[in-house]
C-alpha atoms as a PDB file:
ATOM      1  CA  MET A   1      12.005  12.378 -41.777  1.00  0.00           C
ATOM      2  CA  ARG A   2      10.307   9.128 -40.991  1.00  0.00           C
ATOM      3  CA  ASP A   3      11.929   6.806 -38.387  1.00  0.00           C
ATOM      4  CA  LEU A   4      13.876   4.025 -40.282  1.00  0.00           C
ATOM      5  CA  SER A   5      13.590   1.631 -37.546  1.00  0.00           C
ATOM      6  CA  LEU A   6       9.670   1.757 -38.095  1.00  0.00           C
ATOM      7  CA  LEU A   7       9.680   0.898 -41.388  1.00  0.00           C
ATOM      8  CA  PRO A   8       8.856  -2.605 -41.819  1.00  0.00           C
ATOM      9  CA  LYS A   9      10.941  -4.753 -44.102  1.00  0.00           C
ATOM     10  CA  ALA A  10      13.078  -7.828 -44.584  1.00  0.00           C
ATOM     11  CA  HIS A  11      17.096  -8.780 -44.184  1.00  0.00           C
ATOM     12  CA  LEU A  12      18.055 -11.020 -46.962  1.00  0.00           C
ATOM     13  CA  HIS A  13      22.246 -10.746 -46.488  1.00  0.00           C
ATOM     14  CA  LEU A  14      23.112 -11.444 -43.090  1.00  0.00           C
ATOM     15  CA  HIS A  15      25.846 -14.053 -42.000  1.00  0.00           C
ATOM     16  CA  PHE A  16      25.559 -15.978 -38.725  1.00  0.00           C
ATOM     17  CA  THR A  17      28.950 -15.220 -37.268  1.00  0.00           C
ATOM     18  CA  GLY A  18      28.819 -11.926 -38.946  1.00  0.00           C
ATOM     19  CA  SER A  19      25.637 -11.111 -37.388  1.00  0.00           C
ATOM     20  CA  MET A  20      27.021 -11.165 -33.676  1.00  0.00           C
ATOM     21  CA  ARG A  21      27.271  -8.248 -31.522  1.00  0.00           C
ATOM     22  CA  PRO A  22      30.783  -7.083 -30.300  1.00  0.00           C
ATOM     23  CA  ALA A  23      29.837  -7.127 -26.898  1.00  0.00           C
ATOM     24  CA  THR A  24      28.764 -10.816 -27.230  1.00  0.00           C
ATOM     25  CA  LEU A  25      32.296 -11.520 -29.344  1.00  0.00           C
ATOM     26  CA  ALA A  26      33.818  -9.880 -26.266  1.00  0.00           C
ATOM     27  CA  ASP A  27      31.991 -12.202 -23.576  1.00  0.00           C
ATOM     28  CA  LEU A  28      32.561 -15.090 -25.190  1.00  0.00           C
ATOM     29  CA  ALA A  29      36.730 -14.213 -25.944  1.00  0.00           C
ATOM     30  CA  ARG A  30      36.654 -13.805 -22.349  1.00  0.00           C
ATOM     31  CA  GLU A  31      35.055 -16.785 -21.239  1.00  0.00           C
ATOM     32  CA  ARG A  32      37.501 -18.749 -23.289  1.00  0.00           C
ATOM     33  CA  GLY A  33      40.495 -16.733 -22.539  1.00  0.00           C
ATOM     34  CA  VAL A  34      40.960 -15.771 -25.901  1.00  0.00           C
ATOM     35  CA  ARG A  35      42.804 -12.676 -27.044  1.00  0.00           C
ATOM     36  CA  LEU A  36      40.927 -10.912 -29.792  1.00  0.00           C
ATOM     37  CA  PRO A  37      42.733  -8.868 -32.525  1.00  0.00           C
ATOM     38  CA  GLU A  38      42.324  -5.118 -31.930  1.00  0.00           C
ATOM     39  CA  ALA A  39      40.162  -4.697 -34.980  1.00  0.00           C
ATOM     40  CA  LEU A  40      37.535  -6.810 -33.429  1.00  0.00           C
ATOM     41  CA  VAL A  41      37.334  -4.834 -30.546  1.00  0.00           C
ATOM     42  CA  ASP A  42      37.478  -1.280 -31.470  1.00  0.00           C
ATOM     43  CA  ASP A  43      34.242   0.723 -32.183  1.00  0.00           C
ATOM     44  CA  ASP A  44      35.913   1.279 -35.982  1.00  0.00           C
ATOM     45  CA  PRO A  45      34.349  -0.122 -39.124  1.00  0.00           C
ATOM     46  CA  LEU A  46      36.600  -2.448 -40.853  1.00  0.00           C
ATOM     47  CA  ARG A  47      38.412  -0.999 -44.275  1.00  0.00           C
ATOM     48  CA  VAL A  48      40.655  -3.299 -46.615  1.00  0.00           C
ATOM     49  CA  PRO A  49      41.671  -2.850 -49.876  1.00  0.00           C
ATOM     50  CA  ALA A  50      40.008  -4.480 -52.305  1.00  0.00           C
ATOM     51  CA  ASP A  51      42.482  -7.051 -53.274  1.00  0.00           C
ATOM     52  CA  GLU A  52      43.303 -10.600 -51.840  1.00  0.00           C
ATOM     53  CA  ARG A  53      45.809  -8.840 -49.385  1.00  0.00           C
ATOM     54  CA  GLY A  54      42.497  -6.938 -47.981  1.00  0.00           C
ATOM     55  CA  TRP A  55      40.369 -10.000 -48.347  1.00  0.00           C
ATOM     56  CA  PHE A  56      43.151 -11.952 -46.253  1.00  0.00           C
ATOM     57  CA  ARG A  57      43.058  -9.416 -43.307  1.00  0.00           C
ATOM     58  CA  PHE A  58      39.055  -9.374 -43.474  1.00  0.00           C
ATOM     59  CA  GLN A  59      39.346 -13.357 -43.827  1.00  0.00           C
ATOM     60  CA  ARG A  60      41.674 -13.628 -40.877  1.00  0.00           C
ATOM     61  CA  LEU A  61      39.395 -11.410 -38.471  1.00  0.00           C
ATOM     62  CA  TYR A  62      36.297 -13.261 -39.631  1.00  0.00           C
ATOM     63  CA  ASP A  63      38.093 -16.673 -38.761  1.00  0.00           C
ATOM     64  CA  ALA A  64      39.281 -15.022 -35.054  1.00  0.00           C
ATOM     65  CA  ALA A  65      35.443 -14.305 -34.579  1.00  0.00           C
ATOM     66  CA  ARG A  66      34.202 -17.534 -35.755  1.00  0.00           C
ATOM     67  CA  ALA A  67      36.703 -19.455 -33.428  1.00  0.00           C
ATOM     68  CA  VAL A  68      34.739 -18.432 -30.330  1.00  0.00           C
ATOM     69  CA  VAL A  69      31.897 -20.026 -31.707  1.00  0.00           C
ATOM     70  CA  ARG A  70      31.785 -23.349 -29.961  1.00  0.00           C
ATOM     71  CA  GLY A  71      28.944 -25.238 -28.606  1.00  0.00           C
ATOM     72  CA  GLU A  72      25.407 -25.471 -29.019  1.00  0.00           C
ATOM     73  CA  GLU A  73      24.539 -22.796 -26.420  1.00  0.00           C
ATOM     74  CA  VAL A  74      26.865 -20.269 -27.903  1.00  0.00           C
ATOM     75  CA  MET A  75      25.350 -21.284 -31.427  1.00  0.00           C
ATOM     76  CA  ARG A  76      21.936 -20.623 -29.856  1.00  0.00           C
ATOM     77  CA  ARG A  77      22.906 -17.063 -28.363  1.00  0.00           C
ATOM     78  CA  VAL A  78      24.276 -15.750 -31.766  1.00  0.00           C
ATOM     79  CA  VAL A  79      21.036 -16.733 -33.563  1.00  0.00           C
ATOM     80  CA  ARG A  80      19.033 -15.463 -30.693  1.00  0.00           C
ATOM     81  CA  GLU A  81      20.467 -11.863 -30.516  1.00  0.00           C
ATOM     82  CA  ALA A  82      20.472 -11.901 -34.420  1.00  0.00           C
ATOM     83  CA  VAL A  83      16.557 -12.111 -34.638  1.00  0.00           C
ATOM     84  CA  GLU A  84      16.155  -9.378 -31.540  1.00  0.00           C
ATOM     85  CA  ASP A  85      18.295  -7.287 -33.165  1.00  0.00           C
ATOM     86  CA  ASP A  86      16.317  -7.415 -36.458  1.00  0.00           C
ATOM     87  CA  ALA A  87      13.459  -7.069 -34.539  1.00  0.00           C
ATOM     88  CA  ALA A  88      14.971  -3.747 -33.050  1.00  0.00           C
ATOM     89  CA  GLU A  89      15.109  -2.465 -36.377  1.00  0.00           C
ATOM     90  CA  GLY A  90      11.746  -3.066 -38.040  1.00  0.00           C
ATOM     91  CA  SER A  91      12.529  -6.411 -39.591  1.00  0.00           C
ATOM     92  CA  GLY A  92       9.659  -8.845 -40.016  1.00  0.00           C
ATOM     93  CA  ARG A  93      11.180 -11.178 -41.976  1.00  0.00           C
ATOM     94  CA  LEU A  94      15.333 -12.548 -41.458  1.00  0.00           C
ATOM     95  CA  GLU A  95      16.896 -15.060 -43.822  1.00  0.00           C
ATOM     96  CA  LEU A  96      20.164 -15.936 -41.972  1.00  0.00           C
ATOM     97  CA  GLN A  97      22.942 -17.255 -44.029  1.00  0.00           C
ATOM     98  CA  VAL A  98      25.119 -20.117 -42.275  1.00  0.00           C
ATOM     99  CA  ASP A  99      27.655 -22.455 -43.542  1.00  0.00           C
ATOM    100  CA  PRO A 100      27.421 -25.468 -40.859  1.00  0.00           C
ATOM    101  CA  THR A 101      31.042 -26.446 -41.900  1.00  0.00           C
ATOM    102  CA  SER A 102      32.896 -24.651 -39.367  1.00  0.00           C
ATOM    103  CA  TYR A 103      30.719 -25.129 -36.361  1.00  0.00           C
ATOM    104  CA  ALA A 104      30.238 -28.914 -37.002  1.00  0.00           C
ATOM    105  CA  PRO A 105      33.315 -30.190 -35.091  1.00  0.00           C
ATOM    106  CA  TRP A 106      32.110 -28.850 -31.826  1.00  0.00           C
ATOM    107  CA  VAL A 107      28.492 -30.130 -32.094  1.00  0.00           C
ATOM    108  CA  GLY A 108      28.927 -33.775 -33.394  1.00  0.00           C
ATOM    109  CA  GLY A 109      28.761 -32.861 -37.122  1.00  0.00           C
ATOM    110  CA  LEU A 110      26.773 -31.078 -39.913  1.00  0.00           C
ATOM    111  CA  THR A 111      23.634 -31.843 -39.282  1.00  0.00           C
ATOM    112  CA  PRO A 112      23.452 -31.046 -36.028  1.00  0.00           C
ATOM    113  CA  ALA A 113      25.251 -28.014 -36.794  1.00  0.00           C
ATOM    114  CA  LEU A 114      22.604 -26.889 -39.184  1.00  0.00           C
ATOM    115  CA  GLU A 115      19.685 -28.561 -36.887  1.00  0.00           C
ATOM    116  CA  ILE A 116      20.666 -26.292 -33.817  1.00  0.00           C
ATOM    117  CA  VAL A 117      20.564 -22.949 -35.947  1.00  0.00           C
ATOM    118  CA  LEU A 118      17.123 -24.134 -37.424  1.00  0.00           C
ATOM    119  CA  ASP A 119      15.653 -24.911 -33.902  1.00  0.00           C
ATOM    120  CA  GLU A 120      16.841 -21.764 -32.317  1.00  0.00           C
ATOM    121  CA  ALA A 121      15.490 -19.643 -35.188  1.00  0.00           C
ATOM    122  CA  ARG A 122      12.176 -21.387 -34.677  1.00  0.00           C
ATOM    123  CA  LEU A 123      12.173 -20.246 -30.836  1.00  0.00           C
ATOM    124  CA  ALA A 124      13.631 -16.977 -31.505  1.00  0.00           C
ATOM    125  CA  ALA A 125      11.122 -16.112 -34.018  1.00  0.00           C
ATOM    126  CA  ARG A 126       8.245 -17.202 -31.664  1.00  0.00           C
ATOM    127  CA  ALA A 127       9.810 -14.601 -29.195  1.00  0.00           C
ATOM    128  CA  THR A 128       9.991 -11.922 -31.273  1.00  0.00           C
ATOM    129  CA  GLY A 129       7.420 -12.071 -34.116  1.00  0.00           C
ATOM    130  CA  VAL A 130      10.608 -11.982 -36.788  1.00  0.00           C
ATOM    131  CA  GLU A 131       9.779 -14.770 -39.358  1.00  0.00           C
ATOM    132  CA  VAL A 132      13.209 -16.371 -39.878  1.00  0.00           C
ATOM    133  CA  GLY A 133      14.430 -18.595 -42.687  1.00  0.00           C
ATOM    134  CA  VAL A 134      18.270 -20.049 -43.248  1.00  0.00           C
ATOM    135  CA  VAL A 135      20.219 -20.226 -46.186  1.00  0.00           C
ATOM    136  CA  VAL A 136      22.807 -22.800 -46.261  1.00  0.00           C
ATOM    137  CA  ALA A 137      25.756 -21.260 -47.938  1.00  0.00           C
ATOM    138  CA  ALA A 138      28.645 -23.101 -49.569  1.00  0.00           C
ATOM    139  CA  SER A 139      32.327 -21.629 -49.778  1.00  0.00           C
ATOM    140  CA  ARG A 140      34.136 -20.934 -52.761  1.00  0.00           C
ATOM    141  CA  MET A 141      37.205 -21.879 -50.524  1.00  0.00           C
ATOM    142  CA  ARG A 142      36.131 -25.570 -50.414  1.00  0.00           C
ATOM    143  CA  HIS A 143      35.925 -28.205 -52.716  1.00  0.00           C
ATOM    144  CA  PRO A 144      32.824 -27.920 -54.918  1.00  0.00           C
ATOM    145  CA  LEU A 145      31.859 -31.701 -53.465  1.00  0.00           C
ATOM    146  CA  GLU A 146      31.377 -30.140 -50.131  1.00  0.00           C
ATOM    147  CA  ALA A 147      29.154 -27.879 -51.816  1.00  0.00           C
ATOM    148  CA  ARG A 148      27.316 -30.813 -52.754  1.00  0.00           C
ATOM    149  CA  THR A 149      26.970 -32.140 -49.443  1.00  0.00           C
ATOM    150  CA  LEU A 150      25.379 -28.892 -48.025  1.00  0.00           C
ATOM    151  CA  ALA A 151      23.346 -28.815 -50.559  1.00  0.00           C
ATOM    152  CA  ARG A 152      21.571 -32.068 -49.843  1.00  0.00           C
ATOM    153  CA  LEU A 153      21.954 -31.272 -46.364  1.00  0.00           C
ATOM    154  CA  ALA A 154      19.812 -28.325 -47.360  1.00  0.00           C
ATOM    155  CA  ALA A 155      17.566 -29.931 -49.265  1.00  0.00           C
ATOM    156  CA  ARG A 156      16.582 -32.268 -46.212  1.00  0.00           C
ATOM    157  CA  HIS A 157      15.414 -29.164 -44.272  1.00  0.00           C
ATOM    158  CA  ALA A 158      13.811 -27.268 -47.164  1.00  0.00           C
ATOM    159  CA  GLY A 159      10.680 -25.604 -46.042  1.00  0.00           C
ATOM    160  CA  ASP A 160       8.466 -22.630 -46.178  1.00  0.00           C
ATOM    161  CA  GLY A 161       7.875 -22.522 -42.288  1.00  0.00           C
ATOM    162  CA  PRO A 162       9.678 -20.883 -39.683  1.00  0.00           C
ATOM    163  CA  GLY A 163      13.061 -22.335 -38.812  1.00  0.00           C
ATOM    164  CA  GLN A 164      13.431 -24.038 -42.143  1.00  0.00           C
ATOM    165  CA  VAL A 165      15.971 -23.744 -44.952  1.00  0.00           C
ATOM    166  CA  VAL A 166      14.699 -21.132 -47.652  1.00  0.00           C
ATOM    167  CA  GLY A 167      18.113 -21.103 -49.794  1.00  0.00           C
ATOM    168  CA  PHE A 168      21.679 -22.124 -50.884  1.00  0.00           C
ATOM    169  CA  GLY A 169      23.805 -19.969 -51.348  1.00  0.00           C
ATOM    170  CA  LEU A 170      28.191 -19.570 -52.140  1.00  0.00           C
ATOM    171  CA  SER A 171      30.127 -17.055 -50.208  1.00  0.00           C
ATOM    172  CA  ASN A 172      33.684 -16.037 -49.590  1.00  0.00           C
ATOM    173  CA  ASP A 173      36.353 -14.622 -52.062  1.00  0.00           C
ATOM    174  CA  GLU A 174      34.744 -14.699 -55.389  1.00  0.00           C
ATOM    175  CA  ARG A 175      37.921 -14.940 -56.910  1.00  0.00           C
ATOM    176  CA  ARG A 176      38.443 -18.459 -55.619  1.00  0.00           C
ATOM    177  CA  GLY A 177      37.325 -21.617 -57.422  1.00  0.00           C
ATOM    178  CA  GLU A 178      35.511 -21.893 -60.773  1.00  0.00           C
ATOM    179  CA  THR A 179      31.808 -20.631 -60.806  1.00  0.00           C
ATOM    180  CA  GLU A 180      30.796 -23.758 -62.958  1.00  0.00           C
ATOM    181  CA  ASP A 181      31.922 -26.405 -60.966  1.00  0.00           C
ATOM    182  CA  PHE A 182      29.308 -25.530 -58.240  1.00  0.00           C
ATOM    183  CA  ALA A 183      26.331 -25.947 -60.459  1.00  0.00           C
ATOM    184  CA  GLY A 184      25.525 -29.290 -59.383  1.00  0.00           C
ATOM    185  CA  ALA A 185      25.314 -28.135 -56.027  1.00  0.00           C
ATOM    186  CA  PHE A 186      22.698 -25.592 -56.888  1.00  0.00           C
ATOM    187  CA  ALA A 187      21.099 -28.064 -59.227  1.00  0.00           C
ATOM    188  CA  ILE A 188      20.349 -29.828 -56.219  1.00  0.00           C
ATOM    189  CA  ALA A 189      19.285 -27.144 -54.327  1.00  0.00           C
ATOM    190  CA  ARG A 190      16.973 -26.018 -57.029  1.00  0.00           C
ATOM    191  CA  ARG A 191      15.394 -29.504 -57.120  1.00  0.00           C
ATOM    192  CA  ALA A 192      14.434 -29.259 -53.654  1.00  0.00           C
ATOM    193  CA  GLY A 193      12.691 -25.640 -54.254  1.00  0.00           C
ATOM    194  CA  LEU A 194      15.494 -23.802 -52.375  1.00  0.00           C
ATOM    195  CA  ALA A 195      16.286 -20.046 -53.609  1.00  0.00           C
ATOM    196  CA  SER A 196      19.530 -19.826 -55.823  1.00  0.00           C
ATOM    197  CA  VAL A 197      21.261 -16.744 -53.637  1.00  0.00           C
ATOM    198  CA  PRO A 198      25.004 -17.105 -54.486  1.00  0.00           C
ATOM    199  CA  HIS A 199      27.477 -14.180 -53.979  1.00  0.00           C
ATOM    200  CA  GLY A 200      28.807 -12.355 -57.095  1.00  0.00           C
ATOM    201  CA  GLY A 201      29.727  -8.900 -58.458  1.00  0.00           C
ATOM    202  CA  GLU A 202      31.110  -7.192 -55.428  1.00  0.00           C
ATOM    203  CA  LEU A 203      34.870  -7.970 -55.152  1.00  0.00           C
ATOM    204  CA  LEU A 204      34.510  -8.892 -59.108  1.00  0.00           C
ATOM    205  CA  GLY A 205      33.062  -7.113 -61.999  1.00  0.00           C
ATOM    206  CA  PRO A 206      30.396  -7.876 -64.551  1.00  0.00           C
ATOM    207  CA  ALA A 207      32.003 -11.088 -66.234  1.00  0.00           C
ATOM    208  CA  HIS A 208      32.057 -12.723 -62.896  1.00  0.00           C
ATOM    209  CA  VAL A 209      28.291 -11.973 -62.579  1.00  0.00           C
ATOM    210  CA  GLU A 210      27.663 -13.352 -65.924  1.00  0.00           C
ATOM    211  CA  ALA A 211      29.262 -16.594 -65.029  1.00  0.00           C
ATOM    212  CA  VAL A 212      26.819 -16.716 -61.781  1.00  0.00           C
ATOM    213  CA  LEU A 213      24.125 -16.014 -63.956  1.00  0.00           C
ATOM    214  CA  THR A 214      24.836 -18.649 -66.736  1.00  0.00           C
ATOM    215  CA  HIS A 215      25.928 -21.397 -64.113  1.00  0.00           C
ATOM    216  CA  LEU A 216      23.809 -21.009 -60.972  1.00  0.00           C
ATOM    217  CA  ARG A 217      20.741 -19.431 -61.808  1.00  0.00           C
ATOM    218  CA  PRO A 218      20.302 -17.019 -59.227  1.00  0.00           C
ATOM    219  CA  ASP A 219      17.053 -15.499 -57.899  1.00  0.00           C
ATOM    220  CA  ARG A 220      19.164 -13.314 -55.957  1.00  0.00           C
ATOM    221  CA  LEU A 221      22.449 -12.289 -55.888  1.00  0.00           C
ATOM    222  CA  GLY A 222      24.555 -11.533 -52.818  1.00  0.00           C
ATOM    223  CA  HIS A 223      25.732  -8.034 -53.553  1.00  0.00           C
ATOM    224  CA  GLY A 224      25.488  -7.859 -57.501  1.00  0.00           C
ATOM    225  CA  VAL A 225      26.367  -4.126 -57.703  1.00  0.00           C
ATOM    226  CA  ARG A 226      29.181  -4.372 -60.088  1.00  0.00           C
ATOM    227  CA  ALA A 227      26.818  -5.341 -62.491  1.00  0.00           C
ATOM    228  CA  ALA A 228      25.858  -1.575 -62.702  1.00  0.00           C
ATOM    229  CA  GLU A 229      29.250  -1.350 -64.714  1.00  0.00           C
ATOM    230  CA  ASP A 230      27.509  -2.957 -67.769  1.00  0.00           C
ATOM    231  CA  PRO A 231      24.105  -1.728 -68.753  1.00  0.00           C
ATOM    232  CA  ARG A 232      23.347  -4.758 -70.972  1.00  0.00           C
ATOM    233  CA  LEU A 233      24.110  -7.083 -68.348  1.00  0.00           C
ATOM    234  CA  LEU A 234      21.906  -5.084 -65.641  1.00  0.00           C
ATOM    235  CA  ASP A 235      19.070  -5.158 -68.097  1.00  0.00           C
ATOM    236  CA  LEU A 236      19.480  -8.779 -68.465  1.00  0.00           C
ATOM    237  CA  LEU A 237      19.419  -9.382 -64.740  1.00  0.00           C
ATOM    238  CA  VAL A 238      16.075  -7.173 -64.662  1.00  0.00           C
ATOM    239  CA  GLN A 239      14.686  -9.229 -67.210  1.00  0.00           C
ATOM    240  CA  GLU A 240      15.141 -12.419 -65.794  1.00  0.00           C
ATOM    241  CA  GLY A 241      14.015 -11.220 -62.333  1.00  0.00           C
ATOM    242  CA  VAL A 242      17.075 -11.290 -60.269  1.00  0.00           C
ATOM    243  CA  ALA A 243      17.078  -9.341 -57.008  1.00  0.00           C
ATOM    244  CA  PHE A 244      20.362  -7.723 -55.507  1.00  0.00           C
ATOM    245  CA  GLU A 245      20.966  -8.296 -51.922  1.00  0.00           C
ATOM    246  CA  ALA A 246      23.008  -4.990 -52.063  1.00  0.00           C
ATOM    247  CA  CYS A 247      24.970  -4.092 -48.852  1.00  0.00           C
ATOM    248  CA  PRO A 248      26.813  -0.814 -49.100  1.00  0.00           C
ATOM    249  CA  ALA A 249      28.469  -0.669 -45.826  1.00  0.00           C
ATOM    250  CA  SER A 250      30.173  -3.737 -46.707  1.00  0.00           C
ATOM    251  CA  ASN A 251      31.160  -2.717 -50.110  1.00  0.00           C
ATOM    252  CA  VAL A 252      33.004   0.141 -48.859  1.00  0.00           C
ATOM    253  CA  SER A 253      34.584  -1.553 -46.123  1.00  0.00           C
ATOM    254  CA  LEU A 254      35.880  -3.990 -48.389  1.00  0.00           C
ATOM    255  CA  GLY A 255      37.346  -1.350 -50.621  1.00  0.00           C
ATOM    256  CA  VAL A 256      35.033  -2.044 -53.357  1.00  0.00           C
ATOM    257  CA  TYR A 257      33.909   1.702 -53.628  1.00  0.00           C
ATOM    258  CA  ARG A 258      35.807   4.447 -52.046  1.00  0.00           C
ATOM    259  CA  ASP A 259      32.551   6.193 -50.157  1.00  0.00           C
ATOM    260  CA  GLU A 260      29.255   5.209 -49.608  1.00  0.00           C
ATOM    261  CA  ALA A 261      27.951   7.677 -52.129  1.00  0.00           C
ATOM    262  CA  ASP A 262      29.458   5.731 -54.839  1.00  0.00           C
ATOM    263  CA  VAL A 263      27.563   2.495 -54.341  1.00  0.00           C
ATOM    264  CA  PRO A 264      25.207   2.796 -57.595  1.00  0.00           C
ATOM    265  CA  LEU A 265      22.130   2.161 -55.815  1.00  0.00           C
ATOM    266  CA  ARG A 266      20.184   4.586 -57.815  1.00  0.00           C
ATOM    267  CA  ALA A 267      21.552   3.028 -60.789  1.00  0.00           C
ATOM    268  CA  LEU A 268      20.241  -0.307 -59.964  1.00  0.00           C
ATOM    269  CA  VAL A 269      16.765   1.017 -58.947  1.00  0.00           C
ATOM    270  CA  ALA A 270      16.879   3.190 -62.341  1.00  0.00           C
ATOM    271  CA  ALA A 271      17.351   0.184 -64.199  1.00  0.00           C
ATOM    272  CA  GLY A 272      14.248  -1.599 -62.675  1.00  0.00           C
ATOM    273  CA  ALA A 273      15.968  -3.764 -60.215  1.00  0.00           C
ATOM    274  CA  THR A 274      14.759  -5.271 -57.258  1.00  0.00           C
ATOM    275  CA  VAL A 275      16.910  -4.161 -54.272  1.00  0.00           C
ATOM    276  CA  ALA A 276      16.935  -5.652 -50.906  1.00  0.00           C
ATOM    277  CA  LEU A 277      19.521  -3.670 -48.333  1.00  0.00           C
ATOM    278  CA  GLY A 278      21.516  -5.629 -46.116  1.00  0.00           C
ATOM    279  CA  ALA A 279      23.893  -5.465 -43.500  1.00  0.00           C
ATOM    280  CA  ASP A 280      26.174  -8.257 -44.308  1.00  0.00           C
ATOM    281  CA  ASP A 281      28.713  -8.929 -41.597  1.00  0.00           C
ATOM    282  CA  PRO A 282      27.475  -5.636 -38.850  1.00  0.00           C
ATOM    283  CA  LEU A 283      30.161  -7.193 -36.548  1.00  0.00           C
ATOM    284  CA  LEU A 284      32.971  -5.995 -38.686  1.00  0.00           C
ATOM    285  CA  PHE A 285      31.717  -3.325 -40.659  1.00  0.00           C
ATOM    286  CA  ARG A 286      29.810  -1.667 -37.567  1.00  0.00           C
ATOM    287  CA  SER A 287      26.714  -1.065 -39.545  1.00  0.00           C
ATOM    288  CA  ARG A 288      23.494  -2.847 -39.244  1.00  0.00           C
ATOM    289  CA  LEU A 289      20.328  -2.859 -41.287  1.00  0.00           C
ATOM    290  CA  VAL A 290      18.564   0.806 -40.291  1.00  0.00           C
ATOM    291  CA  ASP A 291      22.266   2.091 -41.328  1.00  0.00           C
ATOM    292  CA  GLN A 292      21.861   0.839 -44.920  1.00  0.00           C
ATOM    293  CA  TYR A 293      18.678   2.584 -45.352  1.00  0.00           C
ATOM    294  CA  ARG A 294      20.465   5.859 -44.190  1.00  0.00           C
ATOM    295  CA  ILE A 295      23.125   5.506 -46.295  1.00  0.00           C
ATOM    296  CA  ALA A 296      20.259   5.177 -49.361  1.00  0.00           C
ATOM    297  CA  ARG A 297      18.583   8.070 -47.742  1.00  0.00           C
ATOM    298  CA  ALA A 298      22.089   9.925 -48.103  1.00  0.00           C
ATOM    299  CA  GLN A 299      22.371   8.970 -51.407  1.00  0.00           C
ATOM    300  CA  GLY A 300      18.664  11.119 -52.192  1.00  0.00           C
ATOM    301  CA  PHE A 301      16.442   8.452 -51.669  1.00  0.00           C
ATOM    302  CA  ASP A 302      13.452  10.041 -50.266  1.00  0.00           C
ATOM    303  CA  ASP A 303      10.803   8.036 -47.814  1.00  0.00           C
ATOM    304  CA  ARG A 304       8.469   6.978 -50.837  1.00  0.00           C
ATOM    305  CA  ALA A 305      11.748   5.437 -52.388  1.00  0.00           C
ATOM    306  CA  LEU A 306      12.863   4.104 -49.102  1.00  0.00           C
ATOM    307  CA  ALA A 307       9.540   2.270 -48.867  1.00  0.00           C
ATOM    308  CA  ASP A 308       9.760   0.881 -52.144  1.00  0.00           C
ATOM    309  CA  LEU A 309      13.414  -0.600 -51.059  1.00  0.00           C
ATOM    310  CA  ALA A 310      11.630  -2.257 -48.316  1.00  0.00           C
ATOM    311  CA  ARG A 311       9.191  -3.497 -50.405  1.00  0.00           C
ATOM    312  CA  GLY A 312      11.574  -4.868 -52.586  1.00  0.00           C
ATOM    313  CA  SER A 313      13.134  -6.793 -49.623  1.00  0.00           C
ATOM    314  CA  VAL A 314       9.988  -8.346 -48.833  1.00  0.00           C
ATOM    315  CA  GLN A 315       9.129  -9.188 -52.423  1.00  0.00           C
ATOM    316  CA  ALA A 316      12.275 -10.916 -52.957  1.00  0.00           C
ATOM    317  CA  SER A 317      12.232 -13.040 -49.805  1.00  0.00           C
ATOM    318  CA  ARG A 318      10.672 -16.474 -48.963  1.00  0.00           C
ATOM    319  CA  ALA A 319       8.448 -14.677 -46.604  1.00  0.00           C
ATOM    320  CA  SER A 320       5.320 -16.555 -46.048  1.00  0.00           C
ATOM    321  CA  PRO A 321       2.007 -15.000 -47.718  1.00  0.00           C
ATOM    322  CA  ALA A 322       0.779 -13.929 -44.079  1.00  0.00           C
ATOM    323  CA  VAL A 323       3.843 -12.004 -43.288  1.00  0.00           C
ATOM    324  CA  ARG A 324       4.480 -10.908 -46.582  1.00  0.00           C
ATOM    325  CA  ALA A 325       0.914  -9.132 -46.660  1.00  0.00           C
ATOM    326  CA  ALA A 326       1.549  -7.944 -43.105  1.00  0.00           C
ATOM    327  CA  LEU A 327       4.901  -6.634 -44.067  1.00  0.00           C
ATOM    328  CA  LEU A 328       3.572  -4.373 -47.240  1.00  0.00           C
ATOM    329  CA  ALA A 329       0.715  -2.960 -45.475  1.00  0.00           C
ATOM    330  CA  GLY A 330       3.035  -1.856 -42.749  1.00  0.00           C
ATOM    331  CA  ILE A 331       5.120  -0.364 -45.265  1.00  0.00           C
ATOM    332  CA  ASP A 332       2.180   1.566 -46.691  1.00  0.00           C
ATOM    333  CA  ALA A 333       1.102   2.654 -43.148  1.00  0.00           C
ATOM    334  CA  TRP A 334       4.758   3.926 -42.711  1.00  0.00           C
ATOM    335  CA  VAL A 335       4.835   6.221 -45.872  1.00  0.00           C
ATOM    336  CA  ALA A 336       1.069   7.322 -44.636  1.00  0.00           C
ATOM    337  CA  ALA A 337       2.419   8.495 -41.210  1.00  0.00           C
ATOM    338  CA  PRO A 338       3.334  11.990 -40.399  1.00  0.00           C
ATOM    339  CA  HIS A 339       6.561  13.249 -41.972  1.00  0.00           C
ATOM    340  CA  ASP A 340       8.277  14.563 -38.961  1.00  0.00           C
ATOM    341  CA  VAL A 341       9.093  11.184 -36.929  1.00  0.00           C
ATOM    342  CA  ARG A 342      12.975  11.351 -36.527  1.00  0.00           C
ATOM    343  CA  GLY A 343      14.957   8.700 -38.173  1.00  0.00           C
END
């Protein structure tokens, strides 16, 4: 088997706080004198039921981790280490998702919070060779007018260069908020040339995916795996060119599927979908980018099929033409390499 960490790839679904290294979280908590919940410091991946109680537990743990991310230097450290970790796993393109709202109080506002992330993304890209774009994500838990504010902020920093905003997303509990109420924010982002990358189709099924497709016009779906339950809808998404940011370890941790083998990666690919594997929140799920490719391998994807997943991640990204060409060439070279490399 070929080494999956050597397979060039793009990483399109990674959240800012959720990207944090467990050791970094422990360091920051120690510095602030904060006692963390046991579930954040043990080595076990989070496992919760796919109901509101399970989501509440997940959100409470996420909030506990986010509470130690205070100040510019800490934010910079989180970005830098996320990019370094991606580089170690063969990622040549990272699109890091952040909602600056939670960090704004500690750095002087929304604009400074986003600009810190963008600036460190540029520096980390230069240091590692990983091209980094940023996705600004609004939250379903907040008023849709706040999403419009974030969309305008994202639009002011839109661009294709390293450390610029490339997309606009919508995250948090899919059961909250009315999808159509966020259409205005996505229209603002779309006019600025940003990719539409809302979450959808993880906690809720095909009807929710259809609402996201209708009102938010996604270029990529964060997760989207529940679309596999409706062949008609899945075919429509494929025809519309919507890519899927599939995060199998996350799906299992959040109780959407009982086991990694149940995540419908093969059904998505068989329908002709472009699938980009992502780690989502490795801090909580204890599963990084390469682990998602290992899950696909365990489902029966051979090395050529894994290479196709990597190609899908690059093709669905907003990578620059030069990085896109280099990654695709690297994937071809990986497939042509000897079979006896372990990974």
